[in-house]
Amino acid sequence: KTDFINFISDQEWKSIEPVSSWFGPSSFLMSSMSALFQLSMWIRHCHGYLTENVGIPVWGSYAVFALATLFSGLILGLVSEALTLSLPQ
């Protein structure tokens, strides 16, 4: 606490470089990282729901997420290919 008070009162904060805009809280990079953390918490919540409330074994929950990952990759690949084919050559 004393160090913080001295940091403010001695104006040591003036010698510190500001955070780059890439790492600012409202930057695209940090917003994307926040979205990934929120996604991981949602997946954790879903895993808990599947194993505790529905009664699926842990390996079954992992299988559900593995299949969801495969299917979402398949859908994204098909959409990407359809967009590529629809562009003029």
Protein backbone atom coordinates (compact mmCIF):
# COMPACT_ATOMS: atom_id res chain seq x y z
CA LYS A 1 0.00 0.00 0.00
CA THR A 2 2.83 2.34 0.85
CA ASP A 3 4.56 1.67 -2.45
CA PHE A 4 1.40 2.54 -4.34
CA ILE A 5 0.95 5.79 -2.42
CA ASN A 6 4.59 6.71 -3.08
CA PHE A 7 4.12 5.82 -6.75
CA ILE A 8 1.28 8.34 -6.99
CA SER A 9 2.67 11.07 -4.75
CA ASP A 10 6.17 10.98 -6.33
CA GLN A 11 4.56 11.02 -9.79
CA GLU A 12 6.51 7.93 -10.87
CA TRP A 13 3.58 7.07 -13.11
CA LYS A 14 4.73 9.73 -15.58
CA SER A 15 7.80 7.66 -16.49
CA ILE A 16 5.74 4.61 -17.55
CA GLU A 17 4.93 4.17 -21.24
CA PRO A 18 1.21 3.88 -22.08
CA VAL A 19 -0.16 0.53 -23.15
CA SER A 20 -0.04 -0.07 -26.89
CA SER A 21 -3.38 0.22 -28.66
CA TRP A 22 -3.06 -3.47 -29.60
CA PHE A 23 -3.22 -4.46 -25.94
CA GLY A 24 -5.76 -1.91 -24.77
CA PRO A 25 -8.93 -3.26 -23.17
CA SER A 26 -11.15 -2.21 -26.08
CA SER A 27 -8.84 -3.41 -28.88
CA PHE A 28 -9.84 -6.14 -31.32
CA LEU A 29 -7.17 -8.47 -29.92
CA MET A 30 -8.34 -8.18 -26.31
CA SER A 31 -12.02 -8.36 -27.31
CA SER A 32 -11.28 -11.57 -29.19
CA MET A 33 -9.41 -13.00 -26.22
CA SER A 34 -12.34 -12.11 -23.96
CA ALA A 35 -14.72 -13.89 -26.34
CA LEU A 36 -12.52 -17.00 -26.25
CA PHE A 37 -12.55 -16.99 -22.44
CA GLN A 38 -16.34 -16.61 -22.46
CA LEU A 39 -16.60 -19.50 -24.93
CA SER A 40 -14.43 -21.70 -22.71
CA MET A 41 -16.63 -20.90 -19.69
CA TRP A 42 -19.74 -21.73 -21.72
CA ILE A 43 -18.20 -25.06 -22.79
CA ARG A 44 -17.31 -25.81 -19.17
CA HIS A 45 -20.89 -25.02 -18.14
CA CYS A 46 -22.25 -27.30 -20.87
CA HIS A 47 -19.87 -30.09 -19.83
CA GLY A 48 -21.06 -29.78 -16.22
CA TYR A 49 -24.69 -29.82 -17.34
CA LEU A 50 -24.19 -32.90 -19.51
CA THR A 51 -22.34 -34.86 -16.84
CA GLU A 52 -24.26 -33.78 -13.73
CA ASN A 53 -27.84 -33.13 -14.88
CA VAL A 54 -28.22 -35.34 -17.94
CA GLY A 55 -26.04 -38.15 -16.58
CA ILE A 56 -23.78 -38.58 -19.60
CA PRO A 57 -20.38 -40.02 -18.64
CA VAL A 58 -17.35 -37.73 -18.96
CA TRP A 59 -16.09 -39.55 -22.06
CA GLY A 60 -19.55 -39.11 -23.61
CA SER A 61 -19.42 -35.37 -23.02
CA TYR A 62 -15.99 -35.26 -24.64
CA ALA A 63 -17.39 -37.21 -27.60
CA VAL A 64 -20.24 -34.70 -27.95
CA PHE A 65 -17.79 -31.79 -28.04
CA ALA A 66 -15.48 -33.64 -30.46
CA LEU A 67 -18.38 -34.27 -32.85
CA ALA A 68 -19.55 -30.66 -32.51
CA THR A 69 -16.02 -29.50 -33.37
CA LEU A 70 -15.87 -31.78 -36.41
CA PHE A 71 -19.27 -30.72 -37.69
CA SER A 72 -18.63 -27.02 -37.16
CA GLY A 73 -15.32 -27.39 -39.06
CA LEU A 74 -17.17 -29.19 -41.84
CA ILE A 75 -19.82 -26.47 -42.06
CA LEU A 76 -17.23 -23.67 -42.00
CA GLY A 77 -15.22 -25.45 -44.69
CA LEU A 78 -18.27 -25.88 -46.90
CA VAL A 79 -19.27 -22.24 -46.46
CA SER A 80 -15.72 -21.14 -47.22
CA GLU A 81 -15.62 -23.28 -50.35
CA ALA A 82 -19.03 -22.02 -51.48
CA LEU A 83 -17.89 -18.42 -51.06
CA THR A 84 -14.67 -19.15 -52.98
CA LEU A 85 -16.58 -20.75 -55.85
CA SER A 86 -19.09 -17.91 -56.01
CA LEU A 87 -16.40 -15.25 -56.52
CA PRO A 88 -15.66 -14.29 -60.11
CA GLN A 89 -12.48 -15.89 -61.46
